[in-house]
N, C-alpha and C. Protein backbone atom coordinates (compact mmCIF):
# COMPACT_ATOMS: atom_id res chain seq x y z
N MET A 1 73.49 31.95 162.24
CA MET A 1 72.89 33.19 161.77
C MET A 1 73.47 34.41 162.49
N LYS A 2 73.88 34.22 163.74
CA LYS A 2 74.43 35.35 164.49
C LYS A 2 75.68 35.91 163.80
N ASN A 3 76.52 35.01 163.30
CA ASN A 3 77.73 35.45 162.60
C ASN A 3 77.37 36.22 161.32
N LEU A 4 76.32 35.76 160.64
CA LEU A 4 75.88 36.44 159.43
C LEU A 4 75.40 37.84 159.76
N TYR A 5 74.60 37.96 160.80
CA TYR A 5 74.08 39.27 161.19
C TYR A 5 75.21 40.19 161.64
N ARG A 6 76.23 39.62 162.27
CA ARG A 6 77.38 40.43 162.69
C ARG A 6 78.11 40.99 161.47
N ILE A 7 78.26 40.15 160.45
CA ILE A 7 78.91 40.61 159.21
C ILE A 7 78.06 41.68 158.54
N LEU A 8 76.75 41.47 158.49
CA LEU A 8 75.84 42.43 157.87
C LEU A 8 75.84 43.76 158.62
N THR A 9 75.99 43.69 159.94
CA THR A 9 76.05 44.92 160.73
C THR A 9 77.23 45.78 160.31
N TRP A 10 78.37 45.14 160.10
CA TRP A 10 79.56 45.90 159.67
C TRP A 10 79.43 46.35 158.21
N LEU A 11 78.74 45.56 157.39
CA LEU A 11 78.50 45.98 156.00
C LEU A 11 77.65 47.25 155.98
N ILE A 12 76.63 47.28 156.81
CA ILE A 12 75.78 48.47 156.93
C ILE A 12 76.60 49.67 157.39
N ALA A 13 77.49 49.43 158.35
CA ALA A 13 78.34 50.50 158.87
C ALA A 13 79.25 51.08 157.80
N ILE A 14 79.68 50.25 156.87
CA ILE A 14 80.55 50.71 155.78
C ILE A 14 79.74 51.43 154.70
N ILE A 15 78.54 50.93 154.43
CA ILE A 15 77.70 51.52 153.39
C ILE A 15 77.20 52.90 153.78
N LEU A 16 76.83 53.08 155.04
CA LEU A 16 76.18 54.32 155.45
C LEU A 16 77.01 55.57 155.15
N PRO A 17 78.32 55.62 155.48
CA PRO A 17 79.09 56.83 155.15
C PRO A 17 79.07 57.16 153.66
N ILE A 18 79.08 56.13 152.82
CA ILE A 18 79.04 56.35 151.37
C ILE A 18 77.71 56.99 150.98
N VAL A 19 76.62 56.45 151.53
CA VAL A 19 75.28 56.98 151.23
C VAL A 19 75.16 58.42 151.72
N ILE A 20 75.65 58.70 152.92
CA ILE A 20 75.54 60.05 153.49
C ILE A 20 76.32 61.05 152.65
N VAL A 21 77.58 60.76 152.40
CA VAL A 21 78.45 61.72 151.68
C VAL A 21 77.95 61.95 150.26
N LEU A 22 77.59 60.88 149.55
CA LEU A 22 77.15 61.04 148.17
C LEU A 22 75.75 61.66 148.08
N SER A 23 74.94 61.49 149.11
CA SER A 23 73.65 62.18 149.15
C SER A 23 73.86 63.68 149.23
N VAL A 24 74.82 64.09 150.05
CA VAL A 24 75.14 65.51 150.18
C VAL A 24 75.71 66.04 148.86
N VAL A 25 76.58 65.26 148.21
CA VAL A 25 77.13 65.65 146.91
C VAL A 25 75.99 65.86 145.91
N LYS A 26 75.03 64.95 145.91
CA LYS A 26 73.90 65.04 144.97
C LYS A 26 73.09 66.31 145.22
N VAL A 27 72.96 66.70 146.47
CA VAL A 27 72.21 67.92 146.80
C VAL A 27 72.99 69.17 146.38
N ILE A 28 74.29 69.18 146.64
CA ILE A 28 75.10 70.38 146.37
C ILE A 28 75.36 70.58 144.88
N ILE A 29 75.61 69.51 144.14
CA ILE A 29 75.91 69.66 142.71
C ILE A 29 74.61 69.91 141.96
N ASN A 30 74.12 71.12 142.08
CA ASN A 30 72.89 71.56 141.43
C ASN A 30 73.00 73.05 141.13
N PRO A 31 72.26 73.54 140.13
CA PRO A 31 72.38 74.95 139.74
C PRO A 31 72.06 75.95 140.85
N TRP A 32 71.32 75.54 141.91
CA TRP A 32 71.01 76.48 142.99
C TRP A 32 72.24 76.83 143.81
N TYR A 33 73.22 75.93 143.84
CA TYR A 33 74.33 76.11 144.77
C TYR A 33 75.22 77.32 144.47
N PRO A 34 75.61 77.59 143.21
CA PRO A 34 76.43 78.79 142.96
C PRO A 34 75.76 80.07 143.44
N GLN A 35 74.44 80.15 143.29
CA GLN A 35 73.75 81.36 143.74
C GLN A 35 73.89 81.53 145.24
N PHE A 36 73.80 80.43 145.97
CA PHE A 36 74.00 80.48 147.42
C PHE A 36 75.44 80.89 147.74
N GLU A 37 76.39 80.26 147.09
CA GLU A 37 77.80 80.48 147.42
C GLU A 37 78.25 81.89 147.07
N TYR A 38 77.83 82.40 145.91
CA TYR A 38 78.25 83.75 145.50
C TYR A 38 77.72 84.84 146.43
N HIS A 39 76.67 84.53 147.19
CA HIS A 39 76.10 85.51 148.11
C HIS A 39 76.62 85.36 149.54
N THR A 40 77.59 84.47 149.75
CA THR A 40 78.18 84.36 151.08
C THR A 40 79.05 85.58 151.35
N PRO A 41 79.11 86.03 152.61
CA PRO A 41 79.87 87.25 152.93
C PRO A 41 81.35 87.13 152.54
N GLY A 42 81.87 88.16 151.89
CA GLY A 42 83.29 88.21 151.57
C GLY A 42 83.72 87.38 150.39
N PHE A 43 82.76 86.87 149.60
CA PHE A 43 83.17 86.07 148.44
C PHE A 43 83.92 86.97 147.46
N PRO A 44 85.11 86.57 147.02
CA PRO A 44 85.97 87.47 146.21
C PRO A 44 85.39 87.76 144.84
N ALA A 45 85.55 88.99 144.40
CA ALA A 45 85.13 89.39 143.05
C ALA A 45 86.12 88.84 142.02
N ASP A 46 85.69 88.78 140.77
CA ASP A 46 86.57 88.34 139.69
C ASP A 46 87.42 89.51 139.22
N SER A 47 88.72 89.39 139.35
CA SER A 47 89.62 90.49 138.99
C SER A 47 89.68 90.74 137.48
N TYR A 48 89.15 89.79 136.67
CA TYR A 48 89.17 89.96 135.22
C TYR A 48 87.84 90.48 134.67
N GLY A 49 86.87 90.77 135.56
CA GLY A 49 85.71 91.51 135.09
C GLY A 49 84.36 90.83 135.07
N PHE A 50 84.27 89.54 135.43
CA PHE A 50 82.94 88.94 135.51
C PHE A 50 82.14 89.63 136.60
N SER A 51 80.91 90.05 136.29
CA SER A 51 80.00 90.54 137.32
C SER A 51 79.40 89.33 138.03
N GLN A 52 78.72 89.58 139.14
CA GLN A 52 78.07 88.48 139.84
C GLN A 52 77.00 87.85 138.95
N GLN A 53 76.33 88.67 138.17
CA GLN A 53 75.32 88.15 137.25
C GLN A 53 75.94 87.24 136.19
N ASP A 54 77.11 87.64 135.68
CA ASP A 54 77.83 86.80 134.72
C ASP A 54 78.19 85.46 135.35
N ARG A 55 78.73 85.53 136.54
CA ARG A 55 79.14 84.31 137.24
C ARG A 55 77.95 83.37 137.45
N LEU A 56 76.84 83.93 137.90
CA LEU A 56 75.65 83.11 138.14
C LEU A 56 75.19 82.43 136.86
N LYS A 57 75.17 83.19 135.79
CA LYS A 57 74.71 82.64 134.50
C LYS A 57 75.59 81.48 134.06
N TYR A 58 76.90 81.69 134.03
CA TYR A 58 77.80 80.66 133.51
C TYR A 58 78.00 79.50 134.49
N ALA A 59 78.00 79.79 135.78
CA ALA A 59 78.17 78.72 136.77
C ALA A 59 76.97 77.78 136.78
N LYS A 60 75.77 78.33 136.64
CA LYS A 60 74.57 77.50 136.60
C LYS A 60 74.60 76.57 135.38
N ILE A 61 75.02 77.11 134.24
CA ILE A 61 75.12 76.29 133.03
C ILE A 61 76.15 75.17 133.24
N THR A 62 77.26 75.51 133.88
CA THR A 62 78.32 74.52 134.13
C THR A 62 77.83 73.42 135.05
N PHE A 63 77.10 73.78 136.10
CA PHE A 63 76.55 72.79 137.02
C PHE A 63 75.50 71.93 136.32
N GLU A 64 74.70 72.55 135.46
CA GLU A 64 73.70 71.78 134.71
C GLU A 64 74.38 70.72 133.85
N TYR A 65 75.52 71.08 133.25
CA TYR A 65 76.24 70.13 132.41
C TYR A 65 76.68 68.91 133.21
N ILE A 66 77.14 69.13 134.43
CA ILE A 66 77.61 68.01 135.26
C ILE A 66 76.52 66.99 135.50
N ILE A 67 75.29 67.45 135.72
CA ILE A 67 74.22 66.53 136.13
C ILE A 67 73.31 66.09 134.98
N ASN A 68 73.40 66.74 133.82
CA ASN A 68 72.51 66.33 132.74
C ASN A 68 73.17 65.28 131.85
N SER A 69 72.49 64.91 130.76
CA SER A 69 73.01 63.86 129.88
C SER A 69 73.65 64.42 128.60
N ALA A 70 73.85 65.74 128.56
CA ALA A 70 74.40 66.38 127.36
C ALA A 70 75.87 66.04 127.16
N ASN A 71 76.34 66.14 125.92
CA ASN A 71 77.76 65.94 125.66
C ASN A 71 78.51 67.26 125.87
N ILE A 72 79.80 67.24 125.62
CA ILE A 72 80.65 68.39 125.96
C ILE A 72 80.31 69.63 125.13
N SER A 73 79.58 69.48 124.04
CA SER A 73 79.19 70.64 123.24
C SER A 73 78.30 71.59 124.04
N PHE A 74 77.67 71.07 125.09
CA PHE A 74 76.86 71.90 125.98
C PHE A 74 77.69 73.06 126.53
N LEU A 75 79.00 72.80 126.74
CA LEU A 75 79.91 73.84 127.22
C LEU A 75 80.79 74.40 126.11
N SER A 76 81.20 73.56 125.17
CA SER A 76 82.14 74.03 124.14
C SER A 76 81.49 75.05 123.20
N ASP A 77 80.16 75.04 123.10
CA ASP A 77 79.47 76.00 122.24
C ASP A 77 79.26 77.37 122.91
N LEU A 78 79.57 77.46 124.18
CA LEU A 78 79.37 78.73 124.89
C LEU A 78 80.39 79.77 124.42
N ARG A 79 79.91 80.99 124.22
CA ARG A 79 80.80 82.08 123.80
C ARG A 79 80.53 83.32 124.65
N PHE A 80 81.54 84.15 124.75
CA PHE A 80 81.36 85.44 125.42
C PHE A 80 80.41 86.31 124.60
N PRO A 81 79.75 87.27 125.23
CA PRO A 81 78.91 88.21 124.48
C PRO A 81 79.75 88.98 123.46
N PRO A 82 79.14 89.50 122.40
CA PRO A 82 79.88 90.27 121.38
C PRO A 82 80.72 91.38 122.00
N GLY A 83 81.96 91.46 121.56
CA GLY A 83 82.86 92.48 122.08
C GLY A 83 83.69 92.03 123.27
N GLN A 84 83.42 90.84 123.77
CA GLN A 84 84.18 90.32 124.91
C GLN A 84 84.92 89.05 124.50
N GLN A 85 85.98 88.74 125.21
CA GLN A 85 86.71 87.50 124.99
C GLN A 85 87.48 87.15 126.25
N THR A 86 88.08 85.97 126.24
CA THR A 86 88.84 85.54 127.41
C THR A 86 90.07 86.43 127.58
N PRO A 87 90.51 86.69 128.81
CA PRO A 87 91.67 87.57 129.04
C PRO A 87 92.94 87.08 128.35
N GLU A 88 93.85 87.98 128.09
CA GLU A 88 95.06 87.71 127.33
C GLU A 88 95.88 86.52 127.85
N PRO A 89 96.12 86.40 129.17
CA PRO A 89 96.94 85.26 129.62
C PRO A 89 96.41 83.91 129.15
N SER A 90 95.08 83.78 129.06
CA SER A 90 94.48 82.54 128.57
C SER A 90 94.32 82.54 127.07
N CYS A 91 94.05 83.72 126.51
CA CYS A 91 93.79 83.84 125.08
C CYS A 91 94.96 83.38 124.23
N GLN A 92 96.19 83.59 124.71
CA GLN A 92 97.37 83.23 123.93
C GLN A 92 97.46 81.73 123.65
N TYR A 93 96.72 80.93 124.40
CA TYR A 93 96.74 79.48 124.20
C TYR A 93 95.51 78.98 123.45
N MET A 94 94.67 79.89 122.94
CA MET A 94 93.43 79.53 122.27
C MET A 94 93.45 80.00 120.82
N THR A 95 92.80 79.24 119.95
CA THR A 95 92.67 79.66 118.55
C THR A 95 91.48 80.60 118.36
N ASP A 96 90.49 80.50 119.24
CA ASP A 96 89.33 81.39 119.19
C ASP A 96 89.01 81.84 120.61
N CYS A 97 89.37 83.08 120.91
CA CYS A 97 89.27 83.59 122.28
C CYS A 97 87.86 84.02 122.66
N THR A 98 86.90 83.86 121.74
CA THR A 98 85.51 84.19 122.09
C THR A 98 84.83 83.02 122.79
N HIS A 99 85.46 81.83 122.74
CA HIS A 99 84.90 80.68 123.46
C HIS A 99 85.06 80.89 124.97
N LEU A 100 84.03 80.49 125.70
CA LEU A 100 84.06 80.67 127.16
C LEU A 100 85.11 79.75 127.79
N TYR A 101 85.18 78.53 127.30
CA TYR A 101 86.10 77.54 127.87
C TYR A 101 87.13 77.11 126.82
N ASN A 102 88.38 76.94 127.27
CA ASN A 102 89.41 76.42 126.37
C ASN A 102 89.44 74.89 126.43
N ASP A 103 90.28 74.30 125.61
CA ASP A 103 90.31 72.83 125.50
C ASP A 103 90.66 72.16 126.82
N ARG A 104 91.60 72.73 127.56
CA ARG A 104 91.99 72.13 128.85
C ARG A 104 90.83 72.12 129.83
N GLU A 105 90.09 73.22 129.85
CA GLU A 105 88.94 73.31 130.76
C GLU A 105 87.84 72.33 130.35
N LEU A 106 87.61 72.21 129.05
CA LEU A 106 86.58 71.28 128.56
C LEU A 106 86.94 69.84 128.89
N GLU A 107 88.22 69.52 128.75
CA GLU A 107 88.67 68.16 129.08
C GLU A 107 88.46 67.87 130.56
N HIS A 108 88.74 68.86 131.40
CA HIS A 108 88.56 68.67 132.83
C HIS A 108 87.08 68.53 133.18
N MET A 109 86.23 69.34 132.56
CA MET A 109 84.80 69.25 132.85
C MET A 109 84.22 67.91 132.40
N LEU A 110 84.75 67.36 131.33
CA LEU A 110 84.33 66.03 130.91
C LEU A 110 84.73 65.00 131.96
N ASP A 111 85.94 65.14 132.51
CA ASP A 111 86.38 64.25 133.59
C ASP A 111 85.49 64.41 134.82
N VAL A 112 85.15 65.65 135.15
CA VAL A 112 84.29 65.90 136.32
C VAL A 112 82.93 65.22 136.13
N LYS A 113 82.37 65.36 134.95
CA LYS A 113 81.07 64.74 134.66
C LYS A 113 81.15 63.22 134.81
N ASN A 114 82.22 62.62 134.30
CA ASN A 114 82.38 61.17 134.39
C ASN A 114 82.54 60.71 135.83
N VAL A 115 83.31 61.45 136.61
CA VAL A 115 83.48 61.12 138.03
C VAL A 115 82.14 61.23 138.76
N TYR A 116 81.40 62.29 138.46
CA TYR A 116 80.09 62.48 139.10
C TYR A 116 79.14 61.33 138.74
N LYS A 117 79.10 60.94 137.47
CA LYS A 117 78.22 59.85 137.05
C LYS A 117 78.58 58.55 137.75
N LYS A 118 79.87 58.26 137.87
CA LYS A 118 80.30 57.04 138.56
C LYS A 118 79.94 57.11 140.05
N ALA A 119 80.12 58.29 140.64
CA ALA A 119 79.78 58.46 142.06
C ALA A 119 78.29 58.23 142.28
N MET A 120 77.46 58.73 141.37
CA MET A 120 76.01 58.55 141.51
C MET A 120 75.60 57.09 141.29
N MET A 121 76.33 56.36 140.47
CA MET A 121 76.07 54.93 140.31
C MET A 121 76.36 54.20 141.61
N VAL A 122 77.48 54.56 142.26
CA VAL A 122 77.83 53.97 143.55
C VAL A 122 76.76 54.32 144.59
N TRP A 123 76.31 55.58 144.58
CA TRP A 123 75.27 56.02 145.51
C TRP A 123 73.98 55.21 145.33
N GLU A 124 73.56 55.02 144.09
CA GLU A 124 72.33 54.28 143.82
C GLU A 124 72.45 52.83 144.28
N ILE A 125 73.60 52.20 144.04
CA ILE A 125 73.81 50.81 144.44
C ILE A 125 73.79 50.69 145.95
N CYS A 126 74.52 51.58 146.64
CA CYS A 126 74.60 51.52 148.10
C CYS A 126 73.25 51.83 148.74
N LEU A 127 72.53 52.80 148.19
CA LEU A 127 71.21 53.13 148.73
C LEU A 127 70.23 51.98 148.54
N ALA A 128 70.26 51.36 147.35
CA ALA A 128 69.39 50.22 147.09
C ALA A 128 69.72 49.06 148.03
N LEU A 129 71.00 48.82 148.24
CA LEU A 129 71.43 47.75 149.14
C LEU A 129 70.97 48.02 150.56
N LEU A 130 71.06 49.28 150.99
CA LEU A 130 70.62 49.64 152.34
C LEU A 130 69.11 49.42 152.49
N ILE A 131 68.36 49.77 151.47
CA ILE A 131 66.90 49.57 151.51
C ILE A 131 66.56 48.08 151.55
N ILE A 132 67.26 47.28 150.74
CA ILE A 132 67.04 45.83 150.75
C ILE A 132 67.35 45.24 152.12
N LEU A 133 68.43 45.71 152.73
CA LEU A 133 68.83 45.19 154.04
C LEU A 133 67.82 45.55 155.13
N VAL A 134 67.28 46.78 155.09
CA VAL A 134 66.32 47.16 156.13
C VAL A 134 65.02 46.37 155.97
N ILE A 135 64.61 46.10 154.73
CA ILE A 135 63.41 45.28 154.51
C ILE A 135 63.64 43.86 155.01
N TRP A 136 64.81 43.33 154.67
CA TRP A 136 65.17 41.98 155.14
C TRP A 136 65.23 41.95 156.66
N ALA A 137 65.84 42.95 157.26
CA ALA A 137 65.96 43.00 158.72
C ALA A 137 64.59 43.05 159.39
N TRP A 138 63.68 43.79 158.79
CA TRP A 138 62.33 43.91 159.36
C TRP A 138 61.58 42.58 159.27
N ARG A 139 61.67 41.95 158.11
CA ARG A 139 60.91 40.72 157.89
C ARG A 139 61.54 39.52 158.61
N ALA A 140 62.87 39.49 158.69
CA ALA A 140 63.57 38.36 159.32
C ALA A 140 63.85 38.60 160.81
N ARG A 141 63.39 39.73 161.32
CA ARG A 141 63.48 40.06 162.75
C ARG A 141 64.93 40.18 163.26
N TRP A 142 65.77 40.82 162.46
CA TRP A 142 67.10 41.16 162.97
C TRP A 142 67.31 42.68 162.89
N LEU A 143 66.20 43.41 163.09
CA LEU A 143 66.23 44.87 163.03
C LEU A 143 67.20 45.49 164.03
N PRO A 144 67.30 44.97 165.27
CA PRO A 144 68.29 45.56 166.20
C PRO A 144 69.72 45.53 165.65
N ALA A 145 70.08 44.45 164.95
CA ALA A 145 71.42 44.36 164.37
C ALA A 145 71.57 45.38 163.25
N PHE A 146 70.50 45.59 162.46
CA PHE A 146 70.54 46.59 161.40
C PHE A 146 70.73 47.98 162.00
N LEU A 147 69.98 48.26 163.05
CA LEU A 147 70.09 49.58 163.70
C LEU A 147 71.47 49.77 164.33
N LYS A 148 72.03 48.69 164.85
CA LYS A 148 73.38 48.76 165.39
C LYS A 148 74.38 49.11 164.28
N GLY A 149 74.14 48.56 163.10
CA GLY A 149 74.99 48.90 161.96
C GLY A 149 74.89 50.37 161.60
N LEU A 150 73.67 50.94 161.66
CA LEU A 150 73.51 52.37 161.40
C LEU A 150 74.25 53.20 162.45
N GLU A 151 74.20 52.76 163.69
CA GLU A 151 74.94 53.47 164.75
C GLU A 151 76.43 53.47 164.46
N ARG A 152 76.95 52.31 164.12
CA ARG A 152 78.38 52.21 163.82
C ARG A 152 78.73 53.03 162.58
N GLY A 153 77.83 53.01 161.60
CA GLY A 153 78.06 53.81 160.40
C GLY A 153 78.07 55.29 160.70
N GLY A 154 77.19 55.71 161.62
CA GLY A 154 77.18 57.11 162.04
C GLY A 154 78.48 57.51 162.70
N ILE A 155 78.98 56.64 163.58
CA ILE A 155 80.26 56.90 164.26
C ILE A 155 81.40 56.94 163.25
N LEU A 156 81.41 55.99 162.32
CA LEU A 156 82.47 55.93 161.31
C LEU A 156 82.46 57.20 160.46
N THR A 157 81.26 57.65 160.09
CA THR A 157 81.13 58.88 159.31
C THR A 157 81.66 60.07 160.09
N LEU A 158 81.31 60.15 161.38
CA LEU A 158 81.76 61.27 162.22
C LEU A 158 83.28 61.31 162.30
N VAL A 159 83.90 60.16 162.47
CA VAL A 159 85.36 60.11 162.59
C VAL A 159 86.03 60.52 161.28
N LEU A 160 85.59 59.91 160.18
CA LEU A 160 86.21 60.19 158.88
C LEU A 160 86.02 61.65 158.48
N LEU A 161 84.80 62.15 158.62
CA LEU A 161 84.53 63.52 158.19
C LEU A 161 85.08 64.54 159.17
N GLY A 162 85.20 64.15 160.44
CA GLY A 162 85.85 65.03 161.40
C GLY A 162 87.28 65.32 160.98
N VAL A 163 87.97 64.27 160.54
CA VAL A 163 89.35 64.43 160.06
C VAL A 163 89.38 65.30 158.80
N ILE A 164 88.41 65.07 157.90
CA ILE A 164 88.37 65.83 156.64
C ILE A 164 88.08 67.30 156.90
N VAL A 165 87.09 67.59 157.75
CA VAL A 165 86.75 68.98 158.07
C VAL A 165 87.93 69.69 158.72
N LEU A 166 88.61 69.00 159.63
CA LEU A 166 89.79 69.57 160.28
C LEU A 166 90.88 69.86 159.24
N SER A 167 91.04 68.95 158.27
CA SER A 167 92.03 69.15 157.21
C SER A 167 91.68 70.36 156.35
N ILE A 168 90.38 70.53 156.07
CA ILE A 168 89.94 71.67 155.27
C ILE A 168 90.23 72.97 155.99
N LEU A 169 90.00 72.99 157.29
CA LEU A 169 90.19 74.21 158.07
C LEU A 169 91.66 74.56 158.27
N THR A 170 92.52 73.55 158.28
CA THR A 170 93.93 73.81 158.61
C THR A 170 94.89 73.61 157.44
N LEU A 171 94.58 72.66 156.56
CA LEU A 171 95.51 72.33 155.47
C LEU A 171 94.74 72.17 154.16
N PHE A 172 93.94 73.18 153.81
CA PHE A 172 93.05 73.03 152.65
C PHE A 172 93.83 72.77 151.37
N ASN A 173 94.93 73.47 151.14
CA ASN A 173 95.68 73.31 149.89
C ASN A 173 96.15 71.87 149.70
N TYR A 174 96.66 71.26 150.77
CA TYR A 174 97.11 69.87 150.69
C TYR A 174 95.92 68.94 150.45
N PHE A 175 94.82 69.20 151.16
CA PHE A 175 93.63 68.38 150.99
C PHE A 175 93.10 68.48 149.56
N PHE A 176 93.09 69.69 149.01
CA PHE A 176 92.59 69.94 147.66
C PHE A 176 93.43 69.19 146.63
N ILE A 177 94.75 69.23 146.81
CA ILE A 177 95.64 68.53 145.89
C ILE A 177 95.44 67.02 145.96
N ILE A 178 95.37 66.49 147.17
CA ILE A 178 95.19 65.04 147.35
C ILE A 178 93.86 64.60 146.74
N PHE A 179 92.81 65.38 146.97
CA PHE A 179 91.49 65.05 146.41
C PHE A 179 91.55 64.95 144.88
N HIS A 180 92.18 65.94 144.24
CA HIS A 180 92.23 65.94 142.79
C HIS A 180 93.16 64.86 142.24
N GLU A 181 94.23 64.58 142.96
CA GLU A 181 95.14 63.52 142.51
C GLU A 181 94.46 62.16 142.58
N LEU A 182 93.52 62.00 143.52
CA LEU A 182 92.80 60.73 143.65
C LEU A 182 91.82 60.50 142.51
N PHE A 183 91.17 61.56 142.05
CA PHE A 183 90.08 61.41 141.09
C PHE A 183 90.39 61.86 139.67
N PHE A 184 91.50 62.59 139.48
CA PHE A 184 91.82 63.10 138.15
C PHE A 184 93.28 62.83 137.81
N LYS A 185 93.56 62.72 136.54
CA LYS A 185 94.94 62.49 136.10
C LYS A 185 95.79 63.72 136.41
N SER A 186 97.01 63.46 136.84
CA SER A 186 97.92 64.55 137.21
C SER A 186 98.14 65.49 136.04
N GLY A 187 98.08 66.80 136.34
CA GLY A 187 98.32 67.82 135.33
C GLY A 187 97.10 68.23 134.54
N THR A 188 95.94 67.60 134.79
CA THR A 188 94.73 67.92 134.01
C THR A 188 93.79 68.86 134.76
N TRP A 189 94.13 69.25 135.98
CA TRP A 189 93.19 70.04 136.78
C TRP A 189 93.80 71.35 137.29
N THR A 190 94.92 71.77 136.70
CA THR A 190 95.51 73.06 137.08
C THR A 190 95.29 74.06 135.95
N PHE A 191 94.94 75.30 136.31
CA PHE A 191 94.56 76.29 135.32
C PHE A 191 95.13 77.65 135.66
N LEU A 192 95.09 78.55 134.68
CA LEU A 192 95.51 79.93 134.88
C LEU A 192 94.41 80.69 135.64
N TYR A 193 94.81 81.74 136.37
CA TYR A 193 93.82 82.54 137.07
C TYR A 193 92.87 83.24 136.09
N SER A 194 93.29 83.40 134.85
CA SER A 194 92.46 84.05 133.84
C SER A 194 91.53 83.08 133.13
N ASP A 195 91.68 81.78 133.37
CA ASP A 195 90.78 80.79 132.77
C ASP A 195 89.39 80.92 133.39
N THR A 196 88.38 80.63 132.59
CA THR A 196 87.00 80.80 133.04
C THR A 196 86.67 79.97 134.27
N LEU A 197 87.15 78.74 134.33
CA LEU A 197 86.85 77.89 135.48
C LEU A 197 87.31 78.52 136.79
N ILE A 198 88.51 79.10 136.79
CA ILE A 198 89.02 79.72 138.01
C ILE A 198 88.28 81.02 138.30
N ARG A 199 87.90 81.74 137.27
CA ARG A 199 87.15 82.98 137.47
C ARG A 199 85.77 82.69 138.07
N LEU A 200 85.17 81.59 137.67
CA LEU A 200 83.87 81.22 138.21
C LEU A 200 83.99 80.52 139.56
N PHE A 201 85.00 79.68 139.68
CA PHE A 201 85.14 78.85 140.88
C PHE A 201 86.53 79.02 141.49
N PRO A 202 86.78 80.13 142.16
CA PRO A 202 88.09 80.34 142.80
C PRO A 202 88.25 79.41 144.00
N GLU A 203 89.41 79.44 144.60
CA GLU A 203 89.70 78.56 145.73
C GLU A 203 88.66 78.68 146.83
N ARG A 204 88.19 79.90 147.10
CA ARG A 204 87.19 80.11 148.15
C ARG A 204 85.93 79.29 147.87
N PHE A 205 85.54 79.16 146.62
CA PHE A 205 84.35 78.40 146.25
C PHE A 205 84.51 76.95 146.70
N PHE A 206 85.64 76.35 146.39
CA PHE A 206 85.86 74.94 146.74
C PHE A 206 86.04 74.76 148.25
N GLN A 207 86.72 75.69 148.87
CA GLN A 207 86.91 75.60 150.32
C GLN A 207 85.57 75.60 151.03
N ASP A 208 84.70 76.52 150.65
CA ASP A 208 83.36 76.58 151.25
C ASP A 208 82.55 75.33 150.94
N THR A 209 82.66 74.86 149.70
CA THR A 209 81.88 73.70 149.28
C THR A 209 82.27 72.45 150.05
N PHE A 210 83.57 72.21 150.18
CA PHE A 210 84.02 71.05 150.96
C PHE A 210 83.60 71.18 152.42
N LEU A 211 83.70 72.38 152.95
CA LEU A 211 83.35 72.60 154.36
C LEU A 211 81.85 72.42 154.58
N ILE A 212 81.04 73.00 153.71
CA ILE A 212 79.59 72.86 153.84
C ILE A 212 79.18 71.40 153.66
N GLY A 213 79.76 70.73 152.67
CA GLY A 213 79.46 69.32 152.46
C GLY A 213 79.85 68.47 153.66
N GLY A 214 81.01 68.78 154.24
CA GLY A 214 81.46 68.03 155.42
C GLY A 214 80.54 68.25 156.61
N VAL A 215 80.14 69.49 156.84
CA VAL A 215 79.27 69.79 157.98
C VAL A 215 77.90 69.15 157.81
N LEU A 216 77.33 69.24 156.59
CA LEU A 216 76.03 68.60 156.34
C LEU A 216 76.11 67.09 156.55
N SER A 217 77.20 66.49 156.11
CA SER A 217 77.39 65.04 156.29
C SER A 217 77.51 64.69 157.77
N LEU A 218 78.20 65.54 158.53
CA LEU A 218 78.32 65.31 159.97
C LEU A 218 76.96 65.39 160.65
N VAL A 219 76.15 66.34 160.24
CA VAL A 219 74.80 66.47 160.81
C VAL A 219 73.97 65.22 160.51
N LEU A 220 74.03 64.75 159.27
CA LEU A 220 73.30 63.53 158.91
C LEU A 220 73.81 62.33 159.70
N ALA A 221 75.12 62.26 159.89
CA ALA A 221 75.69 61.15 160.67
C ALA A 221 75.17 61.16 162.10
N LEU A 222 75.07 62.34 162.70
CA LEU A 222 74.53 62.46 164.06
C LEU A 222 73.07 62.04 164.11
N ILE A 223 72.30 62.44 163.09
CA ILE A 223 70.89 62.06 163.04
C ILE A 223 70.74 60.55 162.95
N PHE A 224 71.54 59.92 162.08
CA PHE A 224 71.48 58.46 161.95
C PHE A 224 71.90 57.78 163.25
N PHE A 225 72.98 58.28 163.87
CA PHE A 225 73.47 57.64 165.09
C PHE A 225 72.43 57.71 166.21
N PHE A 226 71.98 58.90 166.53
CA PHE A 226 71.05 59.05 167.65
C PHE A 226 69.67 58.49 167.32
N GLY A 227 69.24 58.64 166.05
CA GLY A 227 67.95 58.08 165.65
C GLY A 227 67.94 56.57 165.73
N ALA A 228 68.98 55.93 165.16
CA ALA A 228 69.06 54.47 165.18
C ALA A 228 69.20 53.95 166.62
N ARG A 229 69.99 54.65 167.42
CA ARG A 229 70.18 54.23 168.81
C ARG A 229 68.88 54.29 169.60
N ARG A 230 68.15 55.37 169.40
CA ARG A 230 66.88 55.53 170.13
C ARG A 230 65.88 54.45 169.74
N VAL A 231 65.75 54.20 168.44
CA VAL A 231 64.82 53.17 167.97
C VAL A 231 65.24 51.79 168.45
N ARG A 232 66.54 51.51 168.40
CA ARG A 232 67.02 50.18 168.83
C ARG A 232 66.76 49.94 170.30
N LEU A 233 67.01 50.92 171.13
CA LEU A 233 66.78 50.76 172.58
C LEU A 233 65.29 50.59 172.87
N LYS A 234 64.45 51.32 172.14
CA LYS A 234 63.00 51.16 172.32
C LYS A 234 62.56 49.77 171.87
N TYR A 235 63.13 49.31 170.75
CA TYR A 235 62.77 48.02 170.17
C TYR A 235 63.14 46.88 171.12
N GLN A 236 64.23 47.05 171.86
CA GLN A 236 64.73 45.99 172.75
C GLN A 236 64.09 45.99 174.13
N GLN A 237 63.29 47.01 174.42
CA GLN A 237 62.63 47.08 175.74
C GLN A 237 61.56 46.00 175.88
């Protein structure tokens, strides 16, 4: 049984970073987040004319699409107010420039929604597995090994996210490219500066989001590490 508990300890250590990171993703990918981000000091204005109110309106709808069960018509039916249309650099590639999003943007948002749904499935499975393991550990009296797994998972999360946060601070463009190449088909996630997605979500938006997500995950990792360590040492006294 000792060998089994040793294996389970490392399984817990591997699961925890996934649960932590995807929990933070679940919190951030919500309509409240653009409002927070747009009010951060020095956030760049849209050079093509979106007001902050415009950005908030359309960004919230876009975030809602990612997390709800609607099909792509939720975004494809969106149009600019009467008298407005997408800027000329983007308009030349559209048959109807009153649409908020062009076909390339809609295709990418569909990909984003699918990636998010798969990520949340992984989160649910890992979280359920972690809950099953803690119940088993409590009932079968191998709780110290479970807590040791949480400690190791906290350390693993700190190391991995420490590297990611450092990459964001020093080499964000490379990190951003690698991230998108991992999750999206090449050539499907690059857009014109006049496209609505870039106007709503410029590079600063993603840089802040990755950084905030990384820092929140690091904080959770520290809580798990010190919390699990404290409980385990008390339990073994």
